[in-house]
Amino acid sequence: MNRSRPFLVLWTLAVLASVAAFVLHLGLRGRIFKLGYEMGKERSEQARLREAKRVLELEVASFQNPQRVEVIAKTLLGMQPPTPDRIIPMRSIDNDQAQRPEREGDPAAPHHEASAQH
């Protein structure tokens, strides 16, 4: 009986090691399936986002066309070209500053560094 005891211990260790390896294998296999499923979901999301990007790029390109913007303004927004009485001519900033004398304390007057050093 003394002789069979080491065999029984080694046999038990071998069975336990085999069971542990099998359990580890099953755990890793389950993890691989889970990661594969998640990867499939992410690829689907990536394809959806690429399609959305493509649609948005087409939309941006269509809005860069002035005729397209005009059609949308007239049809969808009901806008019309302004009548002459609604048009206010704008002077350029350079002409406006040259014609208006600078006054101290005027918040609309541009501030120059020379006057700020006094």
PDB file of N, CA and C in Angstrom:
ATOM      1  N   MET A   1       0.812  -1.183   0.000  1.00  0.00           N
ATOM      2  CA  MET A   1       0.000   0.000   0.000  1.00  0.00           C
ATOM      3  C   MET A   1       0.869   1.265   0.000  1.00  0.00           C
ATOM      4  N   ASN A   2       1.972   1.178   0.566  1.00  0.00           N
ATOM      5  CA  ASN A   2       2.897   2.267   0.621  1.00  0.00           C
ATOM      6  C   ASN A   2       3.331   2.680  -0.780  1.00  0.00           C
ATOM      7  N   ARG A   3       3.418   1.676  -1.642  1.00  0.00           N
ATOM      8  CA  ARG A   3       3.848   1.919  -2.993  1.00  0.00           C
ATOM      9  C   ARG A   3       2.754   2.600  -3.831  1.00  0.00           C
ATOM     10  N   SER A   4       1.513   2.344  -3.565  1.00  0.00           N
ATOM     11  CA  SER A   4       0.402   2.915  -4.337  1.00  0.00           C
ATOM     12  C   SER A   4       0.077   4.346  -3.915  1.00  0.00           C
ATOM     13  N   ARG A   5       0.512   4.704  -2.735  1.00  0.00           N
ATOM     14  CA  ARG A   5       0.206   6.054  -2.240  1.00  0.00           C
ATOM     15  C   ARG A   5       0.827   7.140  -3.129  1.00  0.00           C
ATOM     16  N   PRO A   6       2.105   7.135  -3.494  1.00  0.00           N
ATOM     17  CA  PRO A   6       2.650   8.174  -4.372  1.00  0.00           C
ATOM     18  C   PRO A   6       1.942   8.205  -5.722  1.00  0.00           C
ATOM     19  N   PHE A   7       1.571   7.035  -6.233  1.00  0.00           N
ATOM     20  CA  PHE A   7       0.848   6.985  -7.499  1.00  0.00           C
ATOM     21  C   PHE A   7      -0.494   7.689  -7.372  1.00  0.00           C
ATOM     22  N   LEU A   8      -1.206   7.463  -6.279  1.00  0.00           N
ATOM     23  CA  LEU A   8      -2.505   8.088  -6.049  1.00  0.00           C
ATOM     24  C   LEU A   8      -2.361   9.613  -5.936  1.00  0.00           C
ATOM     25  N   VAL A   9      -1.324  10.076  -5.272  1.00  0.00           N
ATOM     26  CA  VAL A   9      -1.088  11.518  -5.135  1.00  0.00           C
ATOM     27  C   VAL A   9      -0.779  12.113  -6.508  1.00  0.00           C
ATOM     28  N   LEU A  10       0.094  11.490  -7.259  1.00  0.00           N
ATOM     29  CA  LEU A  10       0.432  11.991  -8.586  1.00  0.00           C
ATOM     30  C   LEU A  10      -0.782  11.949  -9.521  1.00  0.00           C
ATOM     31  N   TRP A  11      -1.550  10.884  -9.422  1.00  0.00           N
ATOM     32  CA  TRP A  11      -2.754  10.757 -10.243  1.00  0.00           C
ATOM     33  C   TRP A  11      -3.741  11.873  -9.903  1.00  0.00           C
ATOM     34  N   THR A  12      -3.933  12.147  -8.636  1.00  0.00           N
ATOM     35  CA  THR A  12      -4.852  13.200  -8.196  1.00  0.00           C
ATOM     36  C   THR A  12      -4.361  14.567  -8.686  1.00  0.00           C
ATOM     37  N   LEU A  13      -3.056  14.830  -8.582  1.00  0.00           N
ATOM     38  CA  LEU A  13      -2.504  16.096  -9.061  1.00  0.00           C
ATOM     39  C   LEU A  13      -2.678  16.231 -10.573  1.00  0.00           C
ATOM     40  N   ALA A  14      -2.486  15.138 -11.295  1.00  0.00           N
ATOM     41  CA  ALA A  14      -2.650  15.172 -12.746  1.00  0.00           C
ATOM     42  C   ALA A  14      -4.102  15.450 -13.110  1.00  0.00           C
ATOM     43  N   VAL A  15      -5.044  14.832 -12.422  1.00  0.00           N
ATOM     44  CA  VAL A  15      -6.469  15.060 -12.697  1.00  0.00           C
ATOM     45  C   VAL A  15      -6.836  16.505 -12.358  1.00  0.00           C
ATOM     46  N   LEU A  16      -6.358  16.990 -11.221  1.00  0.00           N
ATOM     47  CA  LEU A  16      -6.650  18.375 -10.823  1.00  0.00           C
ATOM     48  C   LEU A  16      -6.044  19.372 -11.825  1.00  0.00           C
ATOM     49  N   ALA A  17      -4.838  19.131 -12.282  1.00  0.00           N
ATOM     50  CA  ALA A  17      -4.207  19.998 -13.273  1.00  0.00           C
ATOM     51  C   ALA A  17      -4.990  19.962 -14.575  1.00  0.00           C
ATOM     52  N   SER A  18      -5.454  18.785 -14.983  1.00  0.00           N
ATOM     53  CA  SER A  18      -6.247  18.670 -16.217  1.00  0.00           C
ATOM     54  C   SER A  18      -7.564  19.416 -16.079  1.00  0.00           C
ATOM     55  N   VAL A  19      -8.223  19.270 -14.925  1.00  0.00           N
ATOM     56  CA  VAL A  19      -9.486  19.976 -14.688  1.00  0.00           C
ATOM     57  C   VAL A  19      -9.247  21.488 -14.683  1.00  0.00           C
ATOM     58  N   ALA A  20      -8.176  21.942 -14.038  1.00  0.00           N
ATOM     59  CA  ALA A  20      -7.876  23.375 -13.996  1.00  0.00           C
ATOM     60  C   ALA A  20      -7.593  23.896 -15.405  1.00  0.00           C
ATOM     61  N   ALA A  21      -6.829  23.145 -16.196  1.00  0.00           N
ATOM     62  CA  ALA A  21      -6.547  23.569 -17.569  1.00  0.00           C
ATOM     63  C   ALA A  21      -7.830  23.624 -18.387  1.00  0.00           C
ATOM     64  N   PHE A  22      -8.729  22.661 -18.202  1.00  0.00           N
ATOM     65  CA  PHE A  22      -9.990  22.647 -18.944  1.00  0.00           C
ATOM     66  C   PHE A  22     -10.870  23.837 -18.548  1.00  0.00           C
ATOM     67  N   VAL A  23     -10.935  24.125 -17.265  1.00  0.00           N
ATOM     68  CA  VAL A  23     -11.724  25.268 -16.797  1.00  0.00           C
ATOM     69  C   VAL A  23     -11.128  26.571 -17.336  1.00  0.00           C
ATOM     70  N   LEU A  24      -9.810  26.688 -17.314  1.00  0.00           N
ATOM     71  CA  LEU A  24      -9.157  27.863 -17.866  1.00  0.00           C
ATOM     72  C   LEU A  24      -9.443  27.984 -19.367  1.00  0.00           C
ATOM     73  N   HIS A  25      -9.392  26.870 -20.072  1.00  0.00           N
ATOM     74  CA  HIS A  25      -9.697  26.856 -21.502  1.00  0.00           C
ATOM     75  C   HIS A  25     -11.129  27.322 -21.754  1.00  0.00           C
ATOM     76  N   LEU A  26     -12.079  26.825 -20.986  1.00  0.00           N
ATOM     77  CA  LEU A  26     -13.481  27.246 -21.151  1.00  0.00           C
ATOM     78  C   LEU A  26     -13.654  28.734 -20.859  1.00  0.00           C
ATOM     79  N   GLY A  27     -12.986  29.217 -19.828  1.00  0.00           N
ATOM     80  CA  GLY A  27     -13.071  30.642 -19.493  1.00  0.00           C
ATOM     81  C   GLY A  27     -12.515  31.520 -20.602  1.00  0.00           C
ATOM     82  N   LEU A  28     -11.360  31.123 -21.134  1.00  0.00           N
ATOM     83  CA  LEU A  28     -10.758  31.894 -22.223  1.00  0.00           C
ATOM     84  C   LEU A  28     -11.616  31.830 -23.478  1.00  0.00           C
ATOM     85  N   ARG A  29     -12.182  30.681 -23.742  1.00  0.00           N
ATOM     86  CA  ARG A  29     -13.040  30.532 -24.927  1.00  0.00           C
ATOM     87  C   ARG A  29     -14.296  31.408 -24.798  1.00  0.00           C
ATOM     88  N   GLY A  30     -14.874  31.449 -23.621  1.00  0.00           N
ATOM     89  CA  GLY A  30     -16.024  32.327 -23.385  1.00  0.00           C
ATOM     90  C   GLY A  30     -15.655  33.787 -23.561  1.00  0.00           C
ATOM     91  N   ARG A  31     -14.484  34.151 -23.081  1.00  0.00           N
ATOM     92  CA  ARG A  31     -14.010  35.535 -23.218  1.00  0.00           C
ATOM     93  C   ARG A  31     -13.803  35.883 -24.698  1.00  0.00           C
ATOM     94  N   ILE A  32     -13.264  34.930 -25.471  1.00  0.00           N
ATOM     95  CA  ILE A  32     -13.050  35.161 -26.903  1.00  0.00           C
ATOM     96  C   ILE A  32     -14.387  35.382 -27.605  1.00  0.00           C
ATOM     97  N   PHE A  33     -15.397  34.580 -27.263  1.00  0.00           N
ATOM     98  CA  PHE A  33     -16.721  34.766 -27.871  1.00  0.00           C
ATOM     99  C   PHE A  33     -17.307  36.129 -27.511  1.00  0.00           C
ATOM    100  N   LYS A  34     -17.149  36.514 -26.248  1.00  0.00           N
ATOM    101  CA  LYS A  34     -17.675  37.807 -25.808  1.00  0.00           C
ATOM    102  C   LYS A  34     -16.975  38.949 -26.550  1.00  0.00           C
ATOM    103  N   LEU A  35     -15.649  38.886 -26.665  1.00  0.00           N
ATOM    104  CA  LEU A  35     -14.903  39.928 -27.375  1.00  0.00           C
ATOM    105  C   LEU A  35     -15.261  39.957 -28.856  1.00  0.00           C
ATOM    106  N   GLY A  36     -15.477  38.777 -29.449  1.00  0.00           N
ATOM    107  CA  GLY A  36     -15.887  38.725 -30.850  1.00  0.00           C
ATOM    108  C   GLY A  36     -17.237  39.394 -31.061  1.00  0.00           C
ATOM    109  N   TYR A  37     -18.165  39.170 -30.133  1.00  0.00           N
ATOM    110  CA  TYR A  37     -19.485  39.797 -30.215  1.00  0.00           C
ATOM    111  C   TYR A  37     -19.363  41.315 -30.082  1.00  0.00           C
ATOM    112  N   GLU A  38     -18.562  41.763 -29.120  1.00  0.00           N
ATOM    113  CA  GLU A  38     -18.374  43.202 -28.926  1.00  0.00           C
ATOM    114  C   GLU A  38     -17.695  43.833 -30.142  1.00  0.00           C
ATOM    115  N   MET A  39     -16.741  43.113 -30.727  1.00  0.00           N
ATOM    116  CA  MET A  39     -16.064  43.619 -31.912  1.00  0.00           C
ATOM    117  C   MET A  39     -17.045  43.761 -33.076  1.00  0.00           C
ATOM    118  N   GLY A  40     -17.946  42.807 -33.221  1.00  0.00           N
ATOM    119  CA  GLY A  40     -18.966  42.897 -34.267  1.00  0.00           C
ATOM    120  C   GLY A  40     -19.859  44.113 -34.071  1.00  0.00           C
ATOM    121  N   LYS A  41     -20.255  44.370 -32.819  1.00  0.00           N
ATOM    122  CA  LYS A  41     -21.081  45.543 -32.537  1.00  0.00           C
ATOM    123  C   LYS A  41     -20.329  46.821 -32.863  1.00  0.00           C
ATOM    124  N   GLU A  42     -19.059  46.891 -32.496  1.00  0.00           N
ATOM    125  CA  GLU A  42     -18.259  48.091 -32.760  1.00  0.00           C
ATOM    126  C   GLU A  42     -18.054  48.295 -34.260  1.00  0.00           C
ATOM    127  N   ARG A  43     -17.873  47.217 -35.004  1.00  0.00           N
ATOM    128  CA  ARG A  43     -17.727  47.350 -36.453  1.00  0.00           C
ATOM    129  C   ARG A  43     -19.018  47.849 -37.081  1.00  0.00           C
ATOM    130  N   SER A  44     -20.147  47.378 -36.574  1.00  0.00           N
ATOM    131  CA  SER A  44     -21.433  47.876 -37.075  1.00  0.00           C
ATOM    132  C   SER A  44     -21.576  49.368 -36.785  1.00  0.00           C
ATOM    133  N   GLU A  45     -21.197  49.773 -35.590  1.00  0.00           N
ATOM    134  CA  GLU A  45     -21.259  51.191 -35.216  1.00  0.00           C
ATOM    135  C   GLU A  45     -20.307  52.010 -36.097  1.00  0.00           C
ATOM    136  N   GLN A  46     -19.123  51.462 -36.368  1.00  0.00           N
ATOM    137  CA  GLN A  46     -18.163  52.144 -37.228  1.00  0.00           C
ATOM    138  C   GLN A  46     -18.735  52.319 -38.635  1.00  0.00           C
ATOM    139  N   ALA A  47     -19.376  51.293 -39.168  1.00  0.00           N
ATOM    140  CA  ALA A  47     -19.977  51.394 -40.502  1.00  0.00           C
ATOM    141  C   ALA A  47     -21.091  52.432 -40.505  1.00  0.00           C
ATOM    142  N   ARG A  48     -21.893  52.468 -39.430  1.00  0.00           N
ATOM    143  CA  ARG A  48     -22.977  53.443 -39.336  1.00  0.00           C
ATOM    144  C   ARG A  48     -22.411  54.867 -39.291  1.00  0.00           C
ATOM    145  N   LEU A  49     -21.340  55.066 -38.522  1.00  0.00           N
ATOM    146  CA  LEU A  49     -20.737  56.392 -38.410  1.00  0.00           C
ATOM    147  C   LEU A  49     -20.077  56.817 -39.721  1.00  0.00           C
ATOM    148  N   ARG A  50     -19.477  55.879 -40.429  1.00  0.00           N
ATOM    149  CA  ARG A  50     -18.893  56.226 -41.733  1.00  0.00           C
ATOM    150  C   ARG A  50     -19.977  56.662 -42.712  1.00  0.00           C
ATOM    151  N   GLU A  51     -21.102  55.977 -42.695  1.00  0.00           N
ATOM    152  CA  GLU A  51     -22.209  56.347 -43.576  1.00  0.00           C
ATOM    153  C   GLU A  51     -22.749  57.730 -43.200  1.00  0.00           C
ATOM    154  N   ALA A  52     -22.883  57.982 -41.897  1.00  0.00           N
ATOM    155  CA  ALA A  52     -23.344  59.301 -41.444  1.00  0.00           C
ATOM    156  C   ALA A  52     -22.359  60.388 -41.866  1.00  0.00           C
ATOM    157  N   LYS A  53     -21.062  60.117 -41.765  1.00  0.00           N
ATOM    158  CA  LYS A  53     -20.047  61.088 -42.188  1.00  0.00           C
ATOM    159  C   LYS A  53     -20.170  61.357 -43.682  1.00  0.00           C
ATOM    160  N   ARG A  54     -20.378  60.306 -44.475  1.00  0.00           N
ATOM    161  CA  ARG A  54     -20.507  60.470 -45.919  1.00  0.00           C
ATOM    162  C   ARG A  54     -21.721  61.341 -46.249  1.00  0.00           C
ATOM    163  N   VAL A  55     -22.841  61.093 -45.573  1.00  0.00           N
ATOM    164  CA  VAL A  55     -24.058  61.883 -45.809  1.00  0.00           C
ATOM    165  C   VAL A  55     -23.820  63.340 -45.424  1.00  0.00           C
ATOM    166  N   LEU A  56     -23.149  63.574 -44.297  1.00  0.00           N
ATOM    167  CA  LEU A  56     -22.878  64.953 -43.863  1.00  0.00           C
ATOM    168  C   LEU A  56     -21.919  65.662 -44.809  1.00  0.00           C
ATOM    169  N   GLU A  57     -20.935  64.935 -45.339  1.00  0.00           N
ATOM    170  CA  GLU A  57     -20.028  65.553 -46.307  1.00  0.00           C
ATOM    171  C   GLU A  57     -20.779  65.955 -47.575  1.00  0.00           C
ATOM    172  N   LEU A  58     -21.731  65.120 -48.007  1.00  0.00           N
ATOM    173  CA  LEU A  58     -22.544  65.479 -49.167  1.00  0.00           C
ATOM    174  C   LEU A  58     -23.404  66.701 -48.871  1.00  0.00           C
ATOM    175  N   GLU A  59     -23.932  66.759 -47.655  1.00  0.00           N
ATOM    176  CA  GLU A  59     -24.756  67.903 -47.268  1.00  0.00           C
ATOM    177  C   GLU A  59     -23.924  69.182 -47.241  1.00  0.00           C
ATOM    178  N   VAL A  60     -22.708  69.098 -46.705  1.00  0.00           N
ATOM    179  CA  VAL A  60     -21.821  70.268 -46.682  1.00  0.00           C
ATOM    180  C   VAL A  60     -21.530  70.723 -48.105  1.00  0.00           C
ATOM    181  N   ALA A  61     -21.247  69.767 -48.984  1.00  0.00           N
ATOM    182  CA  ALA A  61     -20.962  70.121 -50.374  1.00  0.00           C
ATOM    183  C   ALA A  61     -22.166  70.791 -51.030  1.00  0.00           C
ATOM    184  N   SER A  62     -23.368  70.325 -50.701  1.00  0.00           N
ATOM    185  CA  SER A  62     -24.557  70.926 -51.310  1.00  0.00           C
ATOM    186  C   SER A  62     -24.786  72.348 -50.799  1.00  0.00           C
ATOM    187  N   PHE A  63     -24.411  72.625 -49.546  1.00  0.00           N
ATOM    188  CA  PHE A  63     -24.608  73.970 -49.008  1.00  0.00           C
ATOM    189  C   PHE A  63     -23.513  74.933 -49.455  1.00  0.00           C
ATOM    190  N   GLN A  64     -22.468  74.437 -50.070  1.00  0.00           N
ATOM    191  CA  GLN A  64     -21.437  75.323 -50.606  1.00  0.00           C
ATOM    192  C   GLN A  64     -21.825  75.828 -51.988  1.00  0.00           C
ATOM    193  N   ASN A  65     -22.880  75.300 -52.542  1.00  0.00           N
ATOM    194  CA  ASN A  65     -23.376  75.726 -53.838  1.00  0.00           C
ATOM    195  C   ASN A  65     -24.400  76.842 -53.612  1.00  0.00           C
ATOM    196  N   PRO A  66     -24.124  78.083 -54.051  1.00  0.00           N
ATOM    197  CA  PRO A  66     -25.035  79.201 -53.789  1.00  0.00           C
ATOM    198  C   PRO A  66     -26.442  78.982 -54.362  1.00  0.00           C
ATOM    199  N   GLN A  67     -26.545  78.313 -55.506  1.00  0.00           N
ATOM    200  CA  GLN A  67     -27.871  78.066 -56.079  1.00  0.00           C
ATOM    201  C   GLN A  67     -28.678  77.149 -55.167  1.00  0.00           C
ATOM    202  N   ARG A  68     -28.036  76.173 -54.575  1.00  0.00           N
ATOM    203  CA  ARG A  68     -28.723  75.249 -53.661  1.00  0.00           C
ATOM    204  C   ARG A  68     -29.212  76.001 -52.422  1.00  0.00           C
ATOM    205  N   VAL A  69     -28.367  76.878 -51.894  1.00  0.00           N
ATOM    206  CA  VAL A  69     -28.756  77.668 -50.718  1.00  0.00           C
ATOM    207  C   VAL A  69     -29.947  78.554 -51.063  1.00  0.00           C
ATOM    208  N   GLU A  70     -29.941  79.139 -52.250  1.00  0.00           N
ATOM    209  CA  GLU A  70     -31.043  80.003 -52.660  1.00  0.00           C
ATOM    210  C   GLU A  70     -32.338  79.202 -52.780  1.00  0.00           C
ATOM    211  N   VAL A  71     -32.267  78.009 -53.350  1.00  0.00           N
ATOM    212  CA  VAL A  71     -33.472  77.170 -53.479  1.00  0.00           C
ATOM    213  C   VAL A  71     -34.025  76.817 -52.102  1.00  0.00           C
ATOM    214  N   ILE A  72     -33.162  76.460 -51.179  1.00  0.00           N
ATOM    215  CA  ILE A  72     -33.614  76.118 -49.820  1.00  0.00           C
ATOM    216  C   ILE A  72     -34.214  77.340 -49.142  1.00  0.00           C
ATOM    217  N   ALA A  73     -33.568  78.495 -49.301  1.00  0.00           N
ATOM    218  CA  ALA A  73     -34.081  79.722 -48.667  1.00  0.00           C
ATOM    219  C   ALA A  73     -35.469  80.061 -49.203  1.00  0.00           C
ATOM    220  N   LYS A  74     -35.677  79.912 -50.495  1.00  0.00           N
ATOM    221  CA  LYS A  74     -36.967  80.279 -51.088  1.00  0.00           C
ATOM    222  C   LYS A  74     -38.041  79.242 -50.815  1.00  0.00           C
ATOM    223  N   THR A  75     -37.707  77.954 -50.942  1.00  0.00           N
ATOM    224  CA  THR A  75     -38.741  76.922 -50.818  1.00  0.00           C
ATOM    225  C   THR A  75     -39.009  76.532 -49.372  1.00  0.00           C
ATOM    226  N   LEU A  76     -37.990  76.168 -48.645  1.00  0.00           N
ATOM    227  CA  LEU A  76     -38.205  75.680 -47.279  1.00  0.00           C
ATOM    228  C   LEU A  76     -38.421  76.797 -46.270  1.00  0.00           C
ATOM    229  N   LEU A  77     -37.694  77.903 -46.443  1.00  0.00           N
ATOM    230  CA  LEU A  77     -37.768  78.987 -45.458  1.00  0.00           C
ATOM    231  C   LEU A  77     -38.686  80.125 -45.883  1.00  0.00           C
ATOM    232  N   GLY A  78     -39.159  80.106 -47.126  1.00  0.00           N
ATOM    233  CA  GLY A  78     -40.064  81.142 -47.603  1.00  0.00           C
ATOM    234  C   GLY A  78     -39.421  82.510 -47.707  1.00  0.00           C
ATOM    235  N   MET A  79     -38.129  82.565 -47.910  1.00  0.00           N
ATOM    236  CA  MET A  79     -37.428  83.842 -48.002  1.00  0.00           C
ATOM    237  C   MET A  79     -37.502  84.372 -49.428  1.00  0.00           C
ATOM    238  N   GLN A  80     -37.435  85.683 -49.556  1.00  0.00           N
ATOM    239  CA  GLN A  80     -37.448  86.354 -50.854  1.00  0.00           C
ATOM    240  C   GLN A  80     -36.297  87.346 -50.881  1.00  0.00           C
ATOM    241  N   PRO A  81     -35.837  87.735 -52.074  1.00  0.00           N
ATOM    242  CA  PRO A  81     -34.792  88.772 -52.129  1.00  0.00           C
ATOM    243  C   PRO A  81     -35.318  90.061 -51.493  1.00  0.00           C
ATOM    244  N   PRO A  82     -34.451  90.818 -50.836  1.00  0.00           N
ATOM    245  CA  PRO A  82     -34.915  92.039 -50.174  1.00  0.00           C
ATOM    246  C   PRO A  82     -35.317  93.105 -51.189  1.00  0.00           C
ATOM    247  N   THR A  83     -36.299  93.892 -50.805  1.00  0.00           N
ATOM    248  CA  THR A  83     -36.712  95.018 -51.645  1.00  0.00           C
ATOM    249  C   THR A  83     -35.682  96.136 -51.467  1.00  0.00           C
ATOM    250  N   PRO A  84     -35.578  97.048 -52.426  1.00  0.00           N
ATOM    251  CA  PRO A  84     -34.558  98.116 -52.324  1.00  0.00           C
ATOM    252  C   PRO A  84     -34.659  98.935 -51.037  1.00  0.00           C
ATOM    253  N   ASP A  85     -35.865  99.128 -50.501  1.00  0.00           N
ATOM    254  CA  ASP A  85     -35.985  99.916 -49.272  1.00  0.00           C
ATOM    255  C   ASP A  85     -35.450  99.165 -48.048  1.00  0.00           C
ATOM    256  N   ARG A  86     -35.219  97.848 -48.153  1.00  0.00           N
ATOM    257  CA  ARG A  86     -34.693  97.056 -47.040  1.00  0.00           C
ATOM    258  C   ARG A  86     -33.169  96.942 -47.070  1.00  0.00           C
ATOM    259  N   ILE A  87     -32.563  97.435 -48.129  1.00  0.00           N
ATOM    260  CA  ILE A  87     -31.111  97.329 -48.270  1.00  0.00           C
ATOM    261  C   ILE A  87     -30.456  98.557 -47.651  1.00  0.00           C
ATOM    262  N   ILE A  88     -29.562  98.356 -46.713  1.00  0.00           N
ATOM    263  CA  ILE A  88     -28.852  99.441 -46.041  1.00  0.00           C
ATOM    264  C   ILE A  88     -27.395  99.365 -46.486  1.00  0.00           C
ATOM    265  N   PRO A  89     -26.915 100.395 -47.193  1.00  0.00           N
ATOM    266  CA  PRO A  89     -25.511 100.347 -47.645  1.00  0.00           C
ATOM    267  C   PRO A  89     -24.575 100.465 -46.447  1.00  0.00           C
ATOM    268  N   MET A  90     -23.513  99.707 -46.482  1.00  0.00           N
ATOM    269  CA  MET A  90     -22.532  99.719 -45.400  1.00  0.00           C
ATOM    270  C   MET A  90     -21.261 100.392 -45.907  1.00  0.00           C
ATOM    271  N   ARG A  91     -20.726 101.289 -45.103  1.00  0.00           N
ATOM    272  CA  ARG A  91     -19.448 101.901 -45.441  1.00  0.00           C
ATOM    273  C   ARG A  91     -18.343 100.991 -44.927  1.00  0.00           C
ATOM    274  N   SER A  92     -17.206 101.079 -45.560  1.00  0.00           N
ATOM    275  CA  SER A  92     -16.092 100.263 -45.076  1.00  0.00           C
ATOM    276  C   SER A  92     -15.581 100.873 -43.779  1.00  0.00           C
ATOM    277  N   ILE A  93     -14.940 100.093 -42.977  1.00  0.00           N
ATOM    278  CA  ILE A  93     -14.446 100.558 -41.683  1.00  0.00           C
ATOM    279  C   ILE A  93     -13.374 101.632 -41.876  1.00  0.00           C
ATOM    280  N   ASP A  94     -12.496 101.469 -42.870  1.00  0.00           N
ATOM    281  CA  ASP A  94     -11.427 102.457 -43.111  1.00  0.00           C
ATOM    282  C   ASP A  94     -12.015 103.815 -43.460  1.00  0.00           C
ATOM    283  N   ASN A  95     -13.014 103.847 -44.347  1.00  0.00           N
ATOM    284  CA  ASN A  95     -13.643 105.114 -44.729  1.00  0.00           C
ATOM    285  C   ASN A  95     -14.360 105.732 -43.543  1.00  0.00           C
ATOM    286  N   ASP A  96     -15.004 104.910 -42.747  1.00  0.00           N
ATOM    287  CA  ASP A  96     -15.761 105.401 -41.607  1.00  0.00           C
ATOM    288  C   ASP A  96     -14.822 106.047 -40.589  1.00  0.00           C
ATOM    289  N   GLN A  97     -13.675 105.461 -40.327  1.00  0.00           N
ATOM    290  CA  GLN A  97     -12.734 106.012 -39.358  1.00  0.00           C
ATOM    291  C   GLN A  97     -12.085 107.284 -39.888  1.00  0.00           C
ATOM    292  N   ALA A  98     -11.838 107.363 -41.178  1.00  0.00           N
ATOM    293  CA  ALA A  98     -11.210 108.552 -41.761  1.00  0.00           C
ATOM    294  C   ALA A  98     -12.168 109.739 -41.737  1.00  0.00           C
ATOM    295  N   GLN A  99     -13.465 109.495 -41.864  1.00  0.00           N
ATOM    296  CA  GLN A  99     -14.442 110.587 -41.913  1.00  0.00           C
ATOM    297  C   GLN A  99     -14.829 111.070 -40.519  1.00  0.00           C
ATOM    298  N   ARG A 100     -14.704 110.253 -39.517  1.00  0.00           N
ATOM    299  CA  ARG A 100     -15.147 110.625 -38.175  1.00  0.00           C
ATOM    300  C   ARG A 100     -13.943 111.073 -37.353  1.00  0.00           C
ATOM    301  N   PRO A 101     -13.953 112.269 -36.813  1.00  0.00           N
ATOM    302  CA  PRO A 101     -12.830 112.699 -35.966  1.00  0.00           C
ATOM    303  C   PRO A 101     -12.873 111.933 -34.647  1.00  0.00           C
ATOM    304  N   GLU A 102     -11.691 111.639 -34.124  1.00  0.00           N
ATOM    305  CA  GLU A 102     -11.626 110.914 -32.859  1.00  0.00           C
ATOM    306  C   GLU A 102     -11.919 111.860 -31.705  1.00  0.00           C
ATOM    307  N   ARG A 103     -12.718 111.398 -30.794  1.00  0.00           N
ATOM    308  CA  ARG A 103     -13.058 112.171 -29.596  1.00  0.00           C
ATOM    309  C   ARG A 103     -12.666 111.336 -28.392  1.00  0.00           C
ATOM    310  N   GLU A 104     -12.076 111.996 -27.419  1.00  0.00           N
ATOM    311  CA  GLU A 104     -11.725 111.280 -26.202  1.00  0.00           C
ATOM    312  C   GLU A 104     -12.989 110.952 -25.438  1.00  0.00           C
ATOM    313  N   GLY A 105     -13.009 109.759 -24.887  1.00  0.00           N
ATOM    314  CA  GLY A 105     -14.172 109.337 -24.122  1.00  0.00           C
ATOM    315  C   GLY A 105     -15.249 108.725 -24.984  1.00  0.00           C
ATOM    316  N   ASP A 106     -15.090 108.731 -26.304  1.00  0.00           N
ATOM    317  CA  ASP A 106     -16.087 108.144 -27.207  1.00  0.00           C
ATOM    318  C   ASP A 106     -15.843 106.637 -27.254  1.00  0.00           C
ATOM    319  N   PRO A 107     -16.790 105.839 -26.752  1.00  0.00           N
ATOM    320  CA  PRO A 107     -16.573 104.389 -26.754  1.00  0.00           C
ATOM    321  C   PRO A 107     -16.514 103.815 -28.168  1.00  0.00           C
ATOM    322  N   ALA A 108     -17.092 104.493 -29.155  1.00  0.00           N
ATOM    323  CA  ALA A 108     -17.082 103.992 -30.526  1.00  0.00           C
ATOM    324  C   ALA A 108     -15.784 104.343 -31.230  1.00  0.00           C
ATOM    325  N   ALA A 109     -15.040 105.316 -30.686  1.00  0.00           N
ATOM    326  CA  ALA A 109     -13.788 105.739 -31.322  1.00  0.00           C
ATOM    327  C   ALA A 109     -12.726 104.673 -31.113  1.00  0.00           C
ATOM    328  N   PRO A 110     -11.955 104.405 -32.164  1.00  0.00           N
ATOM    329  CA  PRO A 110     -10.884 103.417 -32.016  1.00  0.00           C
ATOM    330  C   PRO A 110      -9.780 103.944 -31.106  1.00  0.00           C
ATOM    331  N   HIS A 111      -9.202 103.073 -30.339  1.00  0.00           N
ATOM    332  CA  HIS A 111      -8.129 103.465 -29.409  1.00  0.00           C
ATOM    333  C   HIS A 111      -6.797 103.160 -30.055  1.00  0.00           C
ATOM    334  N   HIS A 112      -5.931 104.147 -30.087  1.00  0.00           N
ATOM    335  CA  HIS A 112      -4.596 103.963 -30.651  1.00  0.00           C
ATOM    336  C   HIS A 112      -3.624 103.900 -29.488  1.00  0.00           C
ATOM    337  N   GLU A 113      -2.497 103.206 -29.733  1.00  0.00           N
ATOM    338  CA  GLU A 113      -1.509 103.060 -28.682  1.00  0.00           C
ATOM    339  C   GLU A 113      -0.873 104.410 -28.331  1.00  0.00           C
ATOM    340  N   ALA A 114      -0.751 105.300 -29.291  1.00  0.00           N
ATOM    341  CA  ALA A 114      -0.129 106.607 -29.023  1.00  0.00           C
ATOM    342  C   ALA A 114      -0.968 107.378 -28.021  1.00  0.00           C
ATOM    343  N   SER A 115      -2.295 107.328 -28.160  1.00  0.00           N
ATOM    344  CA  SER A 115      -3.143 108.081 -27.231  1.00  0.00           C
ATOM    345  C   SER A 115      -3.246 107.363 -25.889  1.00  0.00           C
ATOM    346  N   ALA A 116      -2.972 106.063 -25.879  1.00  0.00           N
ATOM    347  CA  ALA A 116      -3.063 105.317 -24.629  1.00  0.00           C
ATOM    348  C   ALA A 116      -1.841 105.530 -23.745  1.00  0.00           C
ATOM    349  N   GLN A 117      -0.714 106.038 -24.347  1.00  0.00           N
ATOM    350  CA  GLN A 117       0.492 106.221 -23.576  1.00  0.00           C
ATOM    351  C   GLN A 117       0.500 107.531 -22.825  1.00  0.00           C
ATOM    352  N   HIS A 118      -0.405 108.447 -23.074  1.00  0.00           N
ATOM    353  CA  HIS A 118      -0.434 109.762 -22.408  1.00  0.00           C
ATOM    354  C   HIS A 118      -0.737 109.632 -20.979  1.00  0.00           C
TER     355      HIS A 118
END
